[in-house]
Amino acid sequence: MIYDDKQFIGKIIKKARKNAKLSQAQLCEKVDMSDKNLGNIENGKQFPMLNNFFRLMEVLKLSLEDFGVNTETSLNIKNSKTKLLKYILYSNEKEAEIYLTLIEYLNEIKLSKR
């Protein structure tokens, strides 16, 4: 499995950082991470913590597919649900809040019709 290989993950992050023309220090500042931590990740010495991983993905505009994860088959959900999950997974915080508000509102409407 490619996506659980520290070296592979580190190479993808390092390549994306360089493509974004960011130094390690600049990227660390954007994702609130120490230089040492990022260096260890890029050199394949450690896995990123999950919250750091998602922040790195957001700033570097990476997707799970970039790390060898096929989200459609790994989620095993078809069509509308997959599309909805992708919107949520790749949204920023403000967009996620909007999606949540809309879903909660629609649920209220559905419940009031019962």
Protein backbone atom coordinates (compact mmCIF):
# COMPACT_ATOMS: atom_id res chain seq x y z
CA MET A 1 0.00 0.00 0.00
CA ILE A 2 1.55 3.25 -1.17
CA TYR A 3 -0.37 5.61 1.06
CA ASP A 4 1.07 4.25 4.32
CA ASP A 5 4.70 4.72 3.28
CA LYS A 6 6.42 7.61 5.15
CA GLN A 7 8.96 8.13 2.35
CA PHE A 8 6.26 8.31 -0.32
CA ILE A 9 4.13 10.76 1.67
CA GLY A 10 7.18 12.92 2.40
CA LYS A 11 8.20 13.04 -1.28
CA ILE A 12 4.69 14.10 -2.37
CA ILE A 13 4.58 16.89 0.24
CA LYS A 14 8.11 18.09 -0.58
CA LYS A 15 7.43 18.13 -4.33
CA ALA A 16 4.16 20.03 -3.84
CA ARG A 17 5.88 22.54 -1.55
CA LYS A 18 8.59 23.16 -4.13
CA ASN A 19 6.01 23.44 -6.93
CA ALA A 20 4.21 26.04 -4.80
CA LYS A 21 7.56 27.87 -4.50
CA LEU A 22 7.41 27.79 -0.70
CA SER A 23 10.33 27.32 1.65
CA GLN A 24 9.92 24.93 4.56
CA ALA A 25 9.70 27.94 6.88
CA GLN A 26 6.96 29.58 4.77
CA LEU A 27 4.91 26.39 4.64
CA CYS A 28 5.37 25.82 8.38
CA GLU A 29 4.04 29.29 9.09
CA LYS A 30 0.97 28.68 6.92
CA VAL A 31 0.09 25.38 8.60
CA ASP A 32 1.31 26.20 12.13
CA MET A 33 3.95 23.47 12.25
CA SER A 34 7.60 23.43 13.33
CA ASP A 35 10.40 23.36 10.74
CA LYS A 36 11.81 20.22 12.37
CA ASN A 37 8.47 18.44 12.14
CA LEU A 38 8.05 19.28 8.45
CA GLY A 39 11.66 18.29 7.76
CA ASN A 40 11.09 14.90 9.37
CA ILE A 41 7.93 14.40 7.32
CA GLU A 42 9.57 15.41 4.03
CA ASN A 43 12.54 13.14 4.76
CA GLY A 44 10.29 10.16 5.45
CA LYS A 45 11.21 9.89 9.12
CA GLN A 46 7.68 10.34 10.45
CA PHE A 47 4.06 10.49 9.40
CA PRO A 48 2.29 13.85 9.75
CA MET A 49 -0.37 14.06 12.44
CA LEU A 50 -3.81 13.91 10.82
CA ASN A 51 -4.66 17.57 11.46
CA ASN A 52 -1.29 18.64 10.01
CA PHE A 53 -1.76 16.33 7.05
CA PHE A 54 -5.07 17.94 6.12
CA ARG A 55 -3.68 21.46 6.59
CA LEU A 56 -0.73 20.57 4.34
CA MET A 57 -3.13 19.16 1.76
CA GLU A 58 -5.21 22.32 1.83
CA VAL A 59 -2.30 24.75 1.52
CA LEU A 60 -0.50 22.66 -1.12
CA LYS A 61 -3.74 21.94 -3.00
CA LEU A 62 -3.26 18.18 -2.75
CA SER A 63 -5.96 15.51 -2.77
CA LEU A 64 -6.08 12.03 -1.31
CA GLU A 65 -5.62 10.72 -4.85
CA ASP A 66 -2.16 12.34 -4.88
CA PHE A 67 -1.24 9.91 -2.10
CA GLY A 68 -2.57 6.83 -3.89
CA VAL A 69 -6.02 6.76 -2.28
CA ASN A 70 -8.91 6.24 -4.66
CA THR A 71 -11.66 7.98 -2.70
CA GLU A 72 -14.49 6.58 -4.81
CA THR A 73 -13.59 2.96 -4.14
CA SER A 74 -12.25 3.50 -0.63
CA LEU A 75 -15.45 5.26 0.42
CA ASN A 76 -17.50 2.66 -1.48
CA ILE A 77 -20.32 5.15 -1.99
CA LYS A 78 -21.87 5.96 -5.35
CA ASN A 79 -22.99 9.05 -7.21
CA SER A 80 -24.65 11.85 -5.21
CA LYS A 81 -23.23 10.82 -1.85
CA THR A 82 -19.71 10.62 -3.25
CA LYS A 83 -20.06 14.03 -4.85
CA LEU A 84 -21.41 15.52 -1.62
CA LEU A 85 -18.58 13.99 0.42
CA LYS A 86 -16.00 15.39 -2.01
CA TYR A 87 -17.47 18.87 -1.62
CA ILE A 88 -17.24 18.55 2.14
CA LEU A 89 -13.76 16.97 2.21
CA TYR A 90 -12.23 19.59 -0.07
CA SER A 91 -14.01 22.61 1.39
CA ASN A 92 -12.39 25.26 3.52
CA GLU A 93 -13.83 26.04 6.97
CA LYS A 94 -16.19 28.76 5.71
CA GLU A 95 -17.57 26.55 2.95
CA ALA A 96 -18.02 23.65 5.40
CA GLU A 97 -20.04 25.93 7.70
CA ILE A 98 -22.28 26.90 4.78
CA TYR A 99 -22.81 23.25 3.82
CA LEU A 100 -23.65 22.38 7.42
CA THR A 101 -26.12 25.25 7.72
CA LEU A 102 -27.86 24.20 4.50
CA ILE A 103 -28.05 20.54 5.52
CA GLU A 104 -29.40 21.43 8.97
CA TYR A 105 -32.01 23.71 7.38
CA LEU A 106 -33.08 20.99 4.94
CA ASN A 107 -33.36 18.49 7.79
CA GLU A 108 -35.58 20.92 9.71
CA ILE A 109 -37.86 21.25 6.68
CA LYS A 110 -37.99 17.47 6.25
CA LEU A 111 -38.84 16.95 9.94
CA SER A 112 -41.53 19.63 9.92
CA LYS A 113 -43.32 17.86 7.01
CA ARG A 114 -43.73 14.63 9.00
